[in-house]
Amino acid sequence: MQRKKADKLKKLWRNKPCDHPSFDRVYVLGDQTRDVACFRCGEVFSPAEIQELAKKYSDRVFVFADPSKHKNAFDDGPEAA
Protein backbone atom coordinates (compact mmCIF):
# COMPACT_ATOMS: atom_id res chain seq x y z
CA MET A 1 0.00 0.00 0.00
CA GLN A 2 1.32 3.45 -0.85
CA ARG A 3 1.99 5.65 2.20
CA LYS A 4 -0.45 8.26 0.88
CA LYS A 5 -3.19 5.63 0.74
CA ALA A 6 -2.43 4.55 4.31
CA ASP A 7 -2.65 8.18 5.46
CA LYS A 8 -5.99 8.65 3.69
CA LEU A 9 -7.29 5.39 5.10
CA LYS A 10 -6.29 6.46 8.62
CA LYS A 11 -8.16 9.73 8.16
CA LEU A 12 -11.28 7.88 6.95
CA TRP A 13 -11.06 5.49 9.90
CA ARG A 14 -11.47 8.45 12.29
CA ASN A 15 -9.60 6.94 15.26
CA LYS A 16 -12.11 4.15 15.79
CA PRO A 17 -10.75 1.16 17.71
CA CYS A 18 -8.94 -1.38 15.56
CA ASP A 19 -7.27 -4.64 16.52
CA HIS A 20 -5.13 -4.54 13.35
CA PRO A 21 -6.12 -7.93 11.88
CA SER A 22 -3.95 -7.73 8.77
CA PHE A 23 -1.14 -5.68 7.32
CA ASP A 24 0.23 -4.51 4.03
CA ARG A 25 3.76 -3.45 3.23
CA VAL A 26 4.24 0.30 2.91
CA TYR A 27 5.67 1.83 -0.26
CA VAL A 28 6.84 5.38 -0.88
CA LEU A 29 7.24 6.43 -4.52
CA GLY A 30 7.21 2.76 -5.50
CA ASP A 31 9.98 1.74 -3.11
CA GLN A 32 9.18 -0.66 -0.28
CA THR A 33 9.90 0.66 3.21
CA ARG A 34 10.44 -1.47 6.31
CA ASP A 35 7.10 -0.26 7.70
CA VAL A 36 3.72 -1.97 7.47
CA ALA A 37 0.23 -0.50 7.56
CA CYS A 38 -2.91 -1.97 9.04
CA PHE A 39 -5.09 -2.85 6.08
CA ARG A 40 -8.24 -1.95 8.01
CA CYS A 41 -7.42 1.40 9.65
CA GLY A 42 -4.27 2.62 7.86
CA GLU A 43 -2.10 3.01 10.94
CA VAL A 44 1.57 2.62 10.01
CA PHE A 45 3.94 0.62 12.19
CA SER A 46 7.72 0.44 12.26
CA PRO A 47 9.43 -2.96 12.61
CA ALA A 48 9.93 -2.28 16.35
CA GLU A 49 6.24 -1.40 16.78
CA ILE A 50 5.23 -4.61 15.01
CA GLN A 51 7.35 -6.58 17.47
CA GLU A 52 5.51 -4.88 20.34
CA LEU A 53 2.15 -5.68 18.74
CA ALA A 54 3.24 -9.30 18.34
CA LYS A 55 3.91 -9.45 22.08
CA LYS A 56 0.57 -7.81 22.89
CA TYR A 57 -1.35 -10.17 20.63
CA SER A 58 0.79 -13.25 21.22
CA ASP A 59 -2.21 -15.54 20.70
CA ARG A 60 -2.58 -14.61 17.05
CA VAL A 61 -0.66 -14.87 13.82
CA PHE A 62 0.01 -11.65 11.94
CA VAL A 63 -0.89 -11.82 8.27
CA PHE A 64 -0.46 -9.64 5.27
CA ALA A 65 -3.71 -8.56 3.69
CA ASP A 66 -5.41 -10.15 0.76
CA PRO A 67 -7.53 -7.20 -0.43
CA SER A 68 -10.22 -9.55 -1.71
CA LYS A 69 -10.84 -10.89 1.81
CA HIS A 70 -10.56 -7.86 4.10
CA LYS A 71 -12.57 -4.66 4.44
CA ASN A 72 -11.15 -1.26 5.22
CA ALA A 73 -12.53 2.26 5.46
CA PHE A 74 -12.46 2.61 1.66
CA ASP A 75 -15.03 -0.21 1.49
CA ASP A 76 -17.59 1.65 3.62
CA GLY A 77 -18.81 3.77 0.72
CA PRO A 78 -18.92 7.53 0.16
CA GLU A 79 -20.56 8.25 3.52
CA ALA A 80 -17.30 7.24 5.24
CA ALA A 81 -15.37 10.05 3.58
C-alpha atoms as a PDB file:
ATOM      1  CA  MET A   1       0.000   0.000   0.000  1.00  0.00           C
ATOM      2  CA  GLN A   2       1.321   3.445  -0.849  1.00  0.00           C
ATOM      3  CA  ARG A   3       1.990   5.645   2.205  1.00  0.00           C
ATOM      4  CA  LYS A   4      -0.448   8.259   0.881  1.00  0.00           C
ATOM      5  CA  LYS A   5      -3.189   5.632   0.735  1.00  0.00           C
ATOM      6  CA  ALA A   6      -2.432   4.549   4.312  1.00  0.00           C
ATOM      7  CA  ASP A   7      -2.647   8.180   5.461  1.00  0.00           C
ATOM      8  CA  LYS A   8      -5.986   8.654   3.694  1.00  0.00           C
ATOM      9  CA  LEU A   9      -7.294   5.385   5.105  1.00  0.00           C
ATOM     10  CA  LYS A  10      -6.293   6.460   8.622  1.00  0.00           C
ATOM     11  CA  LYS A  11      -8.162   9.733   8.162  1.00  0.00           C
ATOM     12  CA  LEU A  12     -11.277   7.881   6.953  1.00  0.00           C
ATOM     13  CA  TRP A  13     -11.064   5.487   9.903  1.00  0.00           C
ATOM     14  CA  ARG A  14     -11.468   8.450  12.287  1.00  0.00           C
ATOM     15  CA  ASN A  15      -9.598   6.941  15.256  1.00  0.00           C
ATOM     16  CA  LYS A  16     -12.115   4.146  15.787  1.00  0.00           C
ATOM     17  CA  PRO A  17     -10.751   1.163  17.714  1.00  0.00           C
ATOM     18  CA  CYS A  18      -8.939  -1.376  15.561  1.00  0.00           C
ATOM     19  CA  ASP A  19      -7.275  -4.641  16.517  1.00  0.00           C
ATOM     20  CA  HIS A  20      -5.133  -4.537  13.351  1.00  0.00           C
ATOM     21  CA  PRO A  21      -6.123  -7.927  11.885  1.00  0.00           C
ATOM     22  CA  SER A  22      -3.954  -7.727   8.772  1.00  0.00           C
ATOM     23  CA  PHE A  23      -1.136  -5.675   7.321  1.00  0.00           C
ATOM     24  CA  ASP A  24       0.227  -4.506   4.031  1.00  0.00           C
ATOM     25  CA  ARG A  25       3.761  -3.452   3.227  1.00  0.00           C
ATOM     26  CA  VAL A  26       4.238   0.303   2.906  1.00  0.00           C
ATOM     27  CA  TYR A  27       5.672   1.826  -0.263  1.00  0.00           C
ATOM     28  CA  VAL A  28       6.839   5.376  -0.885  1.00  0.00           C
ATOM     29  CA  LEU A  29       7.240   6.431  -4.521  1.00  0.00           C
ATOM     30  CA  GLY A  30       7.210   2.763  -5.504  1.00  0.00           C
ATOM     31  CA  ASP A  31       9.979   1.742  -3.108  1.00  0.00           C
ATOM     32  CA  GLN A  32       9.185  -0.661  -0.280  1.00  0.00           C
ATOM     33  CA  THR A  33       9.903   0.657   3.211  1.00  0.00           C
ATOM     34  CA  ARG A  34      10.439  -1.466   6.309  1.00  0.00           C
ATOM     35  CA  ASP A  35       7.097  -0.263   7.701  1.00  0.00           C
ATOM     36  CA  VAL A  36       3.724  -1.974   7.465  1.00  0.00           C
ATOM     37  CA  ALA A  37       0.226  -0.496   7.555  1.00  0.00           C
ATOM     38  CA  CYS A  38      -2.914  -1.966   9.036  1.00  0.00           C
ATOM     39  CA  PHE A  39      -5.093  -2.852   6.081  1.00  0.00           C
ATOM     40  CA  ARG A  40      -8.244  -1.954   8.007  1.00  0.00           C
ATOM     41  CA  CYS A  41      -7.421   1.400   9.654  1.00  0.00           C
ATOM     42  CA  GLY A  42      -4.274   2.620   7.861  1.00  0.00           C
ATOM     43  CA  GLU A  43      -2.097   3.006  10.945  1.00  0.00           C
ATOM     44  CA  VAL A  44       1.573   2.622  10.005  1.00  0.00           C
ATOM     45  CA  PHE A  45       3.940   0.622  12.191  1.00  0.00           C
ATOM     46  CA  SER A  46       7.720   0.439  12.258  1.00  0.00           C
ATOM     47  CA  PRO A  47       9.433  -2.960  12.614  1.00  0.00           C
ATOM     48  CA  ALA A  48       9.930  -2.281  16.354  1.00  0.00           C
ATOM     49  CA  GLU A  49       6.239  -1.404  16.785  1.00  0.00           C
ATOM     50  CA  ILE A  50       5.234  -4.606  15.005  1.00  0.00           C
ATOM     51  CA  GLN A  51       7.355  -6.576  17.470  1.00  0.00           C
ATOM     52  CA  GLU A  52       5.506  -4.876  20.337  1.00  0.00           C
ATOM     53  CA  LEU A  53       2.149  -5.682  18.740  1.00  0.00           C
ATOM     54  CA  ALA A  54       3.240  -9.300  18.344  1.00  0.00           C
ATOM     55  CA  LYS A  55       3.914  -9.445  22.083  1.00  0.00           C
ATOM     56  CA  LYS A  56       0.569  -7.809  22.891  1.00  0.00           C
ATOM     57  CA  TYR A  57      -1.352 -10.170  20.628  1.00  0.00           C
ATOM     58  CA  SER A  58       0.786 -13.254  21.219  1.00  0.00           C
ATOM     59  CA  ASP A  59      -2.209 -15.540  20.698  1.00  0.00           C
ATOM     60  CA  ARG A  60      -2.581 -14.614  17.052  1.00  0.00           C
ATOM     61  CA  VAL A  61      -0.661 -14.870  13.817  1.00  0.00           C
ATOM     62  CA  PHE A  62       0.006 -11.647  11.940  1.00  0.00           C
ATOM     63  CA  VAL A  63      -0.886 -11.824   8.272  1.00  0.00           C
ATOM     64  CA  PHE A  64      -0.455  -9.635   5.267  1.00  0.00           C
ATOM     65  CA  ALA A  65      -3.706  -8.559   3.690  1.00  0.00           C
ATOM     66  CA  ASP A  66      -5.412 -10.149   0.760  1.00  0.00           C
ATOM     67  CA  PRO A  67      -7.531  -7.200  -0.429  1.00  0.00           C
ATOM     68  CA  SER A  68     -10.215  -9.549  -1.706  1.00  0.00           C
ATOM     69  CA  LYS A  69     -10.843 -10.894   1.810  1.00  0.00           C
ATOM     70  CA  HIS A  70     -10.561  -7.860   4.099  1.00  0.00           C
ATOM     71  CA  LYS A  71     -12.568  -4.662   4.436  1.00  0.00           C
ATOM     72  CA  ASN A  72     -11.145  -1.256   5.223  1.00  0.00           C
ATOM     73  CA  ALA A  73     -12.534   2.259   5.457  1.00  0.00           C
ATOM     74  CA  PHE A  74     -12.457   2.606   1.658  1.00  0.00           C
ATOM     75  CA  ASP A  75     -15.027  -0.206   1.494  1.00  0.00           C
ATOM     76  CA  ASP A  76     -17.592   1.646   3.624  1.00  0.00           C
ATOM     77  CA  GLY A  77     -18.807   3.773   0.722  1.00  0.00           C
ATOM     78  CA  PRO A  78     -18.916   7.530   0.162  1.00  0.00           C
ATOM     79  CA  GLU A  79     -20.558   8.247   3.518  1.00  0.00           C
ATOM     80  CA  ALA A  80     -17.302   7.236   5.239  1.00  0.00           C
ATOM     81  CA  ALA A  81     -15.369  10.048   3.580  1.00  0.00           C
END
